[in-house]
Amino acid sequence: MPLLPTISTFFIVASAVLVAIGWTLIAKGHKKAHKRTMLSAAVCALLFFIIYVSRTAFIGNTSFGGPDDLKIYYTIFLIFHIFLATTGALFGVVTITLAFKRKIRIHRKIGPITSIIWFCSAATGMAVYLLLYIIYDGGKTTSMLKAILGG
């Protein structure tokens, strides 16, 4: 298991678990615990992002090393994951900003949508990790675009 991808995947999964806990806490009316838990989820997501960007900048990305006949399916799945992760991150920033600005009515409406997107992003991110490092041997380390598009 490569160390940095394993650590970054841990942080994104931890973030999703914390979001689930935070959602449960607010449903039970525990506002302070909800806030602390959601901020912890955001910190985990930020740690993931820092590790991912650092690895991408200094080392590169791992291309798909599985069978050639699965490469197109993996690429489509990866692009879907990237779309989800980007959307989830943007929604996350907006949702946290709304909470800090005390725009709770809008925060309550967008929060569940953000959480669901984040759960899907974490799940597909875990699947990408499993496909790249556990199920198949990772391909070569290359630039981000080549890794995504199978170059």
N, C-alpha and C. Protein backbone atom coordinates (compact mmCIF):
# COMPACT_ATOMS: atom_id res chain seq x y z
N MET A 1 0.84 -1.20 0.00
CA MET A 1 0.00 0.00 0.00
C MET A 1 0.88 1.25 0.00
N PRO A 2 0.70 2.10 -0.98
CA PRO A 2 1.46 3.35 -0.98
C PRO A 2 0.98 4.25 0.15
N LEU A 3 1.92 4.90 0.79
CA LEU A 3 1.62 5.63 2.01
C LEU A 3 0.72 6.86 1.80
N LEU A 4 1.10 7.77 0.91
CA LEU A 4 0.33 9.02 0.76
C LEU A 4 -1.10 8.78 0.27
N PRO A 5 -1.32 7.95 -0.76
CA PRO A 5 -2.72 7.70 -1.15
C PRO A 5 -3.54 7.03 -0.04
N THR A 6 -2.91 6.19 0.74
CA THR A 6 -3.62 5.53 1.85
C THR A 6 -4.01 6.55 2.91
N ILE A 7 -3.08 7.43 3.24
CA ILE A 7 -3.37 8.47 4.25
C ILE A 7 -4.45 9.43 3.74
N SER A 8 -4.32 9.87 2.49
CA SER A 8 -5.31 10.82 1.98
C SER A 8 -6.69 10.17 1.88
N THR A 9 -6.75 8.90 1.49
CA THR A 9 -8.04 8.20 1.44
C THR A 9 -8.63 8.06 2.84
N PHE A 10 -7.78 7.79 3.83
CA PHE A 10 -8.25 7.72 5.22
C PHE A 10 -8.94 9.03 5.60
N PHE A 11 -8.31 10.15 5.26
CA PHE A 11 -8.88 11.45 5.65
C PHE A 11 -10.21 11.73 4.96
N ILE A 12 -10.36 11.34 3.71
CA ILE A 12 -11.62 11.62 3.03
C ILE A 12 -12.73 10.73 3.58
N VAL A 13 -12.40 9.48 3.89
CA VAL A 13 -13.40 8.59 4.49
C VAL A 13 -13.75 9.07 5.90
N ALA A 14 -12.75 9.49 6.66
CA ALA A 14 -13.00 10.04 8.00
C ALA A 14 -13.90 11.26 7.91
N SER A 15 -13.66 12.09 6.91
CA SER A 15 -14.50 13.26 6.71
C SER A 15 -15.96 12.87 6.49
N ALA A 16 -16.20 11.88 5.64
CA ALA A 16 -17.57 11.43 5.37
C ALA A 16 -18.22 10.84 6.62
N VAL A 17 -17.46 10.08 7.39
CA VAL A 17 -17.99 9.51 8.63
C VAL A 17 -18.35 10.63 9.61
N LEU A 18 -17.49 11.63 9.70
CA LEU A 18 -17.79 12.77 10.59
C LEU A 18 -19.01 13.55 10.11
N VAL A 19 -19.19 13.70 8.81
CA VAL A 19 -20.39 14.36 8.29
C VAL A 19 -21.64 13.58 8.71
N ALA A 20 -21.57 12.26 8.61
CA ALA A 20 -22.71 11.42 9.03
C ALA A 20 -23.00 11.59 10.52
N ILE A 21 -21.95 11.63 11.32
CA ILE A 21 -22.13 11.84 12.76
C ILE A 21 -22.71 13.22 13.02
N GLY A 22 -22.18 14.23 12.32
CA GLY A 22 -22.68 15.60 12.48
C GLY A 22 -24.14 15.74 12.10
N TRP A 23 -24.54 15.04 11.05
CA TRP A 23 -25.93 15.06 10.62
C TRP A 23 -26.82 14.45 11.71
N THR A 24 -26.35 13.37 12.30
CA THR A 24 -27.11 12.73 13.39
C THR A 24 -27.20 13.65 14.61
N LEU A 25 -26.10 14.32 14.91
CA LEU A 25 -26.09 15.22 16.07
C LEU A 25 -27.07 16.37 15.91
N ILE A 26 -27.12 16.97 14.73
CA ILE A 26 -28.03 18.10 14.54
C ILE A 26 -29.48 17.63 14.56
N ALA A 27 -29.72 16.42 14.07
CA ALA A 27 -31.08 15.87 14.10
C ALA A 27 -31.55 15.68 15.55
N LYS A 28 -30.60 15.45 16.45
CA LYS A 28 -30.93 15.29 17.87
C LYS A 28 -30.88 16.60 18.64
N GLY A 29 -30.59 17.70 17.91
CA GLY A 29 -30.58 19.02 18.54
C GLY A 29 -29.29 19.41 19.23
N HIS A 30 -28.21 18.68 19.00
CA HIS A 30 -26.92 18.98 19.64
C HIS A 30 -26.11 19.92 18.75
N LYS A 31 -26.44 21.20 18.82
CA LYS A 31 -25.87 22.20 17.90
C LYS A 31 -24.35 22.37 18.06
N LYS A 32 -23.87 22.46 19.29
CA LYS A 32 -22.43 22.67 19.49
C LYS A 32 -21.63 21.44 19.04
N ALA A 33 -22.12 20.26 19.37
CA ALA A 33 -21.43 19.03 18.94
C ALA A 33 -21.48 18.91 17.41
N HIS A 34 -22.59 19.31 16.81
CA HIS A 34 -22.72 19.30 15.35
C HIS A 34 -21.66 20.21 14.72
N LYS A 35 -21.54 21.41 15.27
CA LYS A 35 -20.58 22.37 14.73
C LYS A 35 -19.15 21.83 14.84
N ARG A 36 -18.78 21.32 16.00
CA ARG A 36 -17.43 20.77 16.19
C ARG A 36 -17.16 19.60 15.25
N THR A 37 -18.14 18.73 15.11
CA THR A 37 -17.98 17.55 14.27
C THR A 37 -17.87 17.94 12.80
N MET A 38 -18.70 18.87 12.35
CA MET A 38 -18.65 19.29 10.96
C MET A 38 -17.35 20.04 10.66
N LEU A 39 -16.86 20.82 11.60
CA LEU A 39 -15.57 21.48 11.39
C LEU A 39 -14.44 20.46 11.35
N SER A 40 -14.55 19.42 12.17
CA SER A 40 -13.56 18.33 12.11
C SER A 40 -13.61 17.63 10.75
N ALA A 41 -14.82 17.44 10.22
CA ALA A 41 -14.98 16.85 8.89
C ALA A 41 -14.31 17.73 7.84
N ALA A 42 -14.48 19.04 7.97
CA ALA A 42 -13.87 19.98 7.02
C ALA A 42 -12.35 19.94 7.11
N VAL A 43 -11.83 19.83 8.33
CA VAL A 43 -10.37 19.74 8.50
C VAL A 43 -9.84 18.46 7.86
N CYS A 44 -10.55 17.35 8.04
CA CYS A 44 -10.15 16.09 7.40
C CYS A 44 -10.16 16.22 5.87
N ALA A 45 -11.19 16.86 5.35
CA ALA A 45 -11.27 17.07 3.90
C ALA A 45 -10.12 17.96 3.42
N LEU A 46 -9.80 18.98 4.20
CA LEU A 46 -8.69 19.87 3.85
C LEU A 46 -7.35 19.12 3.88
N LEU A 47 -7.17 18.27 4.89
CA LEU A 47 -5.94 17.47 4.96
C LEU A 47 -5.83 16.54 3.75
N PHE A 48 -6.96 15.93 3.37
CA PHE A 48 -6.97 15.12 2.14
C PHE A 48 -6.49 15.96 0.97
N PHE A 49 -7.07 17.13 0.80
CA PHE A 49 -6.78 18.00 -0.34
C PHE A 49 -5.31 18.41 -0.36
N ILE A 50 -4.77 18.77 0.80
CA ILE A 50 -3.35 19.17 0.89
C ILE A 50 -2.45 18.01 0.48
N ILE A 51 -2.72 16.82 0.99
CA ILE A 51 -1.91 15.64 0.64
C ILE A 51 -2.04 15.33 -0.85
N TYR A 52 -3.27 15.36 -1.36
CA TYR A 52 -3.50 15.03 -2.77
C TYR A 52 -2.79 16.02 -3.69
N VAL A 53 -2.95 17.31 -3.43
CA VAL A 53 -2.32 18.33 -4.28
C VAL A 53 -0.80 18.26 -4.17
N SER A 54 -0.28 18.05 -2.97
CA SER A 54 1.17 17.94 -2.78
C SER A 54 1.72 16.75 -3.55
N ARG A 55 1.05 15.62 -3.44
CA ARG A 55 1.50 14.42 -4.15
C ARG A 55 1.43 14.64 -5.66
N THR A 56 0.35 15.25 -6.12
CA THR A 56 0.19 15.52 -7.54
C THR A 56 1.29 16.45 -8.04
N ALA A 57 1.60 17.48 -7.27
CA ALA A 57 2.60 18.47 -7.70
C ALA A 57 4.02 17.90 -7.68
N PHE A 58 4.34 17.14 -6.64
CA PHE A 58 5.73 16.71 -6.47
C PHE A 58 6.02 15.31 -7.01
N ILE A 59 5.01 14.45 -7.08
CA ILE A 59 5.24 13.06 -7.51
C ILE A 59 4.50 12.75 -8.80
N GLY A 60 3.26 13.20 -8.89
CA GLY A 60 2.41 12.90 -10.03
C GLY A 60 1.24 12.03 -9.60
N ASN A 61 0.47 11.57 -10.56
CA ASN A 61 -0.68 10.71 -10.27
C ASN A 61 -0.42 9.31 -10.79
N THR A 62 -1.08 8.35 -10.18
CA THR A 62 -0.95 6.96 -10.60
C THR A 62 -1.99 6.69 -11.68
N SER A 63 -1.55 6.16 -12.80
CA SER A 63 -2.49 5.79 -13.86
C SER A 63 -3.06 4.41 -13.55
N PHE A 64 -4.16 4.08 -14.20
CA PHE A 64 -4.84 2.80 -13.99
C PHE A 64 -3.95 1.67 -14.49
N GLY A 65 -3.73 0.69 -13.65
CA GLY A 65 -2.86 -0.43 -14.01
C GLY A 65 -3.62 -1.72 -14.26
N GLY A 66 -4.93 -1.64 -14.27
CA GLY A 66 -5.75 -2.83 -14.49
C GLY A 66 -5.81 -3.20 -15.96
N PRO A 67 -6.66 -4.17 -16.28
CA PRO A 67 -6.77 -4.65 -17.66
C PRO A 67 -7.18 -3.54 -18.63
N ASP A 68 -6.62 -3.60 -19.83
CA ASP A 68 -6.90 -2.58 -20.85
C ASP A 68 -8.39 -2.49 -21.19
N ASP A 69 -9.09 -3.62 -21.16
CA ASP A 69 -10.52 -3.58 -21.53
C ASP A 69 -11.38 -2.91 -20.45
N LEU A 70 -10.84 -2.67 -19.27
CA LEU A 70 -11.58 -1.95 -18.21
C LEU A 70 -11.19 -0.48 -18.13
N LYS A 71 -10.15 -0.10 -18.84
CA LYS A 71 -9.61 1.26 -18.73
C LYS A 71 -10.65 2.33 -19.05
N ILE A 72 -11.46 2.14 -20.09
CA ILE A 72 -12.46 3.14 -20.45
C ILE A 72 -13.51 3.29 -19.36
N TYR A 73 -13.91 2.17 -18.72
CA TYR A 73 -14.89 2.22 -17.63
C TYR A 73 -14.31 2.91 -16.41
N TYR A 74 -13.04 2.61 -16.13
CA TYR A 74 -12.36 3.27 -15.03
C TYR A 74 -12.29 4.77 -15.28
N THR A 75 -11.93 5.17 -16.50
CA THR A 75 -11.80 6.59 -16.84
C THR A 75 -13.13 7.32 -16.67
N ILE A 76 -14.21 6.72 -17.14
CA ILE A 76 -15.54 7.33 -16.99
C ILE A 76 -15.88 7.46 -15.50
N PHE A 77 -15.61 6.40 -14.74
CA PHE A 77 -15.87 6.41 -13.30
C PHE A 77 -15.03 7.48 -12.62
N LEU A 78 -13.76 7.59 -13.00
CA LEU A 78 -12.87 8.59 -12.39
C LEU A 78 -13.36 10.01 -12.68
N ILE A 79 -13.76 10.26 -13.91
CA ILE A 79 -14.28 11.59 -14.26
C ILE A 79 -15.54 11.91 -13.46
N PHE A 80 -16.41 10.91 -13.29
CA PHE A 80 -17.61 11.08 -12.45
C PHE A 80 -17.20 11.41 -11.01
N HIS A 81 -16.20 10.68 -10.49
CA HIS A 81 -15.72 10.94 -9.13
C HIS A 81 -15.16 12.37 -9.01
N ILE A 82 -14.37 12.78 -9.98
CA ILE A 82 -13.78 14.13 -9.94
C ILE A 82 -14.88 15.19 -9.96
N PHE A 83 -15.91 14.98 -10.77
CA PHE A 83 -17.05 15.90 -10.80
C PHE A 83 -17.73 15.94 -9.43
N LEU A 84 -17.99 14.78 -8.84
CA LEU A 84 -18.62 14.72 -7.51
C LEU A 84 -17.76 15.41 -6.46
N ALA A 85 -16.47 15.12 -6.47
CA ALA A 85 -15.57 15.68 -5.46
C ALA A 85 -15.49 17.20 -5.57
N THR A 86 -15.41 17.69 -6.78
CA THR A 86 -15.35 19.14 -6.99
C THR A 86 -16.66 19.80 -6.56
N THR A 87 -17.77 19.21 -6.97
CA THR A 87 -19.09 19.74 -6.59
C THR A 87 -19.26 19.68 -5.08
N GLY A 88 -18.88 18.55 -4.48
CA GLY A 88 -18.99 18.41 -3.02
C GLY A 88 -18.14 19.41 -2.27
N ALA A 89 -16.93 19.65 -2.77
CA ALA A 89 -16.05 20.63 -2.11
C ALA A 89 -16.64 22.04 -2.20
N LEU A 90 -17.14 22.40 -3.37
CA LEU A 90 -17.75 23.73 -3.53
C LEU A 90 -18.99 23.87 -2.64
N PHE A 91 -19.84 22.85 -2.65
CA PHE A 91 -21.01 22.88 -1.78
C PHE A 91 -20.59 22.95 -0.31
N GLY A 92 -19.53 22.23 0.04
CA GLY A 92 -19.04 22.23 1.42
C GLY A 92 -18.61 23.62 1.86
N VAL A 93 -17.85 24.31 1.03
CA VAL A 93 -17.41 25.66 1.36
C VAL A 93 -18.61 26.59 1.52
N VAL A 94 -19.57 26.49 0.61
CA VAL A 94 -20.77 27.32 0.70
C VAL A 94 -21.56 27.00 1.97
N THR A 95 -21.73 25.72 2.26
CA THR A 95 -22.50 25.30 3.43
C THR A 95 -21.86 25.79 4.73
N ILE A 96 -20.55 25.65 4.84
CA ILE A 96 -19.84 26.13 6.04
C ILE A 96 -19.92 27.65 6.14
N THR A 97 -19.76 28.33 5.02
CA THR A 97 -19.84 29.79 5.00
C THR A 97 -21.22 30.26 5.47
N LEU A 98 -22.26 29.60 4.97
CA LEU A 98 -23.62 29.96 5.40
C LEU A 98 -23.78 29.79 6.91
N ALA A 99 -23.22 28.72 7.46
CA ALA A 99 -23.32 28.49 8.91
C ALA A 99 -22.61 29.59 9.68
N PHE A 100 -21.40 29.94 9.24
CA PHE A 100 -20.64 30.98 9.95
C PHE A 100 -21.29 32.36 9.83
N LYS A 101 -21.97 32.59 8.73
CA LYS A 101 -22.69 33.87 8.56
C LYS A 101 -24.05 33.84 9.23
N ARG A 102 -24.35 32.73 9.88
CA ARG A 102 -25.62 32.54 10.62
C ARG A 102 -26.83 32.60 9.69
N LYS A 103 -26.66 32.17 8.47
CA LYS A 103 -27.78 32.06 7.53
C LYS A 103 -28.29 30.61 7.63
N ILE A 104 -28.84 30.33 8.79
CA ILE A 104 -29.17 28.95 9.15
C ILE A 104 -30.31 28.39 8.30
N ARG A 105 -31.26 29.21 7.92
CA ARG A 105 -32.38 28.71 7.10
C ARG A 105 -31.86 28.12 5.79
N ILE A 106 -30.97 28.83 5.12
CA ILE A 106 -30.40 28.34 3.86
C ILE A 106 -29.44 27.18 4.14
N HIS A 107 -28.65 27.29 5.22
CA HIS A 107 -27.72 26.23 5.62
C HIS A 107 -28.47 24.91 5.81
N ARG A 108 -29.64 24.98 6.46
CA ARG A 108 -30.44 23.76 6.68
C ARG A 108 -30.92 23.13 5.37
N LYS A 109 -31.19 23.96 4.38
CA LYS A 109 -31.66 23.44 3.09
C LYS A 109 -30.53 22.83 2.28
N ILE A 110 -29.39 23.48 2.27
CA ILE A 110 -28.28 23.02 1.42
C ILE A 110 -27.43 21.94 2.12
N GLY A 111 -27.42 21.92 3.44
CA GLY A 111 -26.61 20.96 4.20
C GLY A 111 -26.85 19.50 3.84
N PRO A 112 -28.11 19.05 3.82
CA PRO A 112 -28.34 17.65 3.45
C PRO A 112 -27.90 17.32 2.02
N ILE A 113 -28.08 18.26 1.10
CA ILE A 113 -27.63 18.04 -0.28
C ILE A 113 -26.11 17.91 -0.31
N THR A 114 -25.43 18.81 0.39
CA THR A 114 -23.98 18.77 0.48
C THR A 114 -23.52 17.43 1.06
N SER A 115 -24.17 17.00 2.12
CA SER A 115 -23.79 15.74 2.77
C SER A 115 -23.92 14.55 1.83
N ILE A 116 -25.01 14.49 1.11
CA ILE A 116 -25.22 13.37 0.19
C ILE A 116 -24.17 13.38 -0.92
N ILE A 117 -23.88 14.55 -1.46
CA ILE A 117 -22.83 14.65 -2.48
C ILE A 117 -21.50 14.20 -1.89
N TRP A 118 -21.24 14.62 -0.65
CA TRP A 118 -19.97 14.27 0.01
C TRP A 118 -19.86 12.77 0.25
N PHE A 119 -20.96 12.13 0.66
CA PHE A 119 -20.95 10.68 0.85
C PHE A 119 -20.63 9.97 -0.46
N CYS A 120 -21.26 10.41 -1.53
CA CYS A 120 -21.01 9.80 -2.84
C CYS A 120 -19.58 10.04 -3.30
N SER A 121 -19.08 11.22 -3.05
CA SER A 121 -17.70 11.53 -3.41
C SER A 121 -16.72 10.66 -2.64
N ALA A 122 -16.94 10.51 -1.34
CA ALA A 122 -16.06 9.67 -0.52
C ALA A 122 -16.13 8.21 -0.97
N ALA A 123 -17.33 7.74 -1.27
CA ALA A 123 -17.48 6.34 -1.70
C ALA A 123 -16.79 6.10 -3.03
N THR A 124 -16.97 7.01 -3.98
CA THR A 124 -16.32 6.82 -5.27
C THR A 124 -14.81 7.02 -5.15
N GLY A 125 -14.38 7.90 -4.25
CA GLY A 125 -12.95 8.08 -4.00
C GLY A 125 -12.32 6.83 -3.42
N MET A 126 -13.03 6.19 -2.51
CA MET A 126 -12.54 4.93 -1.94
C MET A 126 -12.47 3.86 -3.04
N ALA A 127 -13.44 3.84 -3.93
CA ALA A 127 -13.44 2.88 -5.04
C ALA A 127 -12.24 3.13 -5.96
N VAL A 128 -11.95 4.40 -6.25
CA VAL A 128 -10.78 4.73 -7.09
C VAL A 128 -9.51 4.23 -6.41
N TYR A 129 -9.40 4.48 -5.11
CA TYR A 129 -8.23 4.01 -4.35
C TYR A 129 -8.10 2.48 -4.45
N LEU A 130 -9.21 1.79 -4.23
CA LEU A 130 -9.17 0.31 -4.29
C LEU A 130 -8.77 -0.17 -5.69
N LEU A 131 -9.30 0.47 -6.72
CA LEU A 131 -8.97 0.07 -8.10
C LEU A 131 -7.51 0.37 -8.45
N LEU A 132 -6.97 1.45 -7.91
CA LEU A 132 -5.59 1.83 -8.24
C LEU A 132 -4.54 1.10 -7.42
N TYR A 133 -4.85 0.76 -6.17
CA TYR A 133 -3.80 0.28 -5.29
C TYR A 133 -4.05 -1.09 -4.65
N ILE A 134 -5.29 -1.53 -4.62
CA ILE A 134 -5.58 -2.79 -3.92
C ILE A 134 -5.99 -3.88 -4.91
N ILE A 135 -7.00 -3.62 -5.71
CA ILE A 135 -7.51 -4.64 -6.64
C ILE A 135 -6.50 -4.89 -7.76
N TYR A 136 -5.95 -3.81 -8.32
CA TYR A 136 -4.95 -3.91 -9.39
C TYR A 136 -3.68 -3.21 -8.92
N ASP A 137 -2.56 -3.60 -9.50
CA ASP A 137 -1.33 -2.86 -9.25
C ASP A 137 -1.45 -1.52 -9.96
N GLY A 138 -1.02 -0.47 -9.30
CA GLY A 138 -1.08 0.84 -9.92
C GLY A 138 -0.24 0.90 -11.18
N GLY A 139 -0.68 1.72 -12.10
CA GLY A 139 0.08 1.94 -13.32
C GLY A 139 1.25 2.86 -13.03
N LYS A 140 1.80 3.41 -14.08
CA LYS A 140 2.94 4.30 -13.89
C LYS A 140 2.48 5.64 -13.30
N THR A 141 3.41 6.31 -12.66
CA THR A 141 3.15 7.64 -12.13
C THR A 141 3.39 8.63 -13.26
N THR A 142 2.42 9.49 -13.47
CA THR A 142 2.45 10.39 -14.61
C THR A 142 1.75 11.69 -14.26
N SER A 143 1.58 12.57 -15.22
CA SER A 143 0.89 13.84 -14.99
C SER A 143 -0.59 13.56 -14.73
N MET A 144 -1.27 14.53 -14.13
CA MET A 144 -2.67 14.35 -13.78
C MET A 144 -3.52 14.05 -15.01
N LEU A 145 -3.36 14.82 -16.07
CA LEU A 145 -4.18 14.60 -17.27
C LEU A 145 -3.94 13.23 -17.89
N LYS A 146 -2.69 12.81 -17.95
CA LYS A 146 -2.39 11.48 -18.50
C LYS A 146 -2.96 10.38 -17.61
N ALA A 147 -2.91 10.58 -16.30
CA ALA A 147 -3.46 9.57 -15.39
C ALA A 147 -4.97 9.47 -15.55
N ILE A 148 -5.65 10.59 -15.71
CA ILE A 148 -7.10 10.59 -15.86
C ILE A 148 -7.50 9.99 -17.20
N LEU A 149 -6.82 10.43 -18.25
CA LEU A 149 -7.23 10.02 -19.60
C LEU A 149 -6.54 8.76 -20.09
N GLY A 150 -5.75 8.17 -19.23
CA GLY A 150 -5.16 6.87 -19.57
C GLY A 150 -3.92 6.94 -20.44
N GLY A 151 -3.16 8.02 -20.33
CA GLY A 151 -1.95 8.16 -21.14
C GLY A 151 -0.74 7.51 -20.56
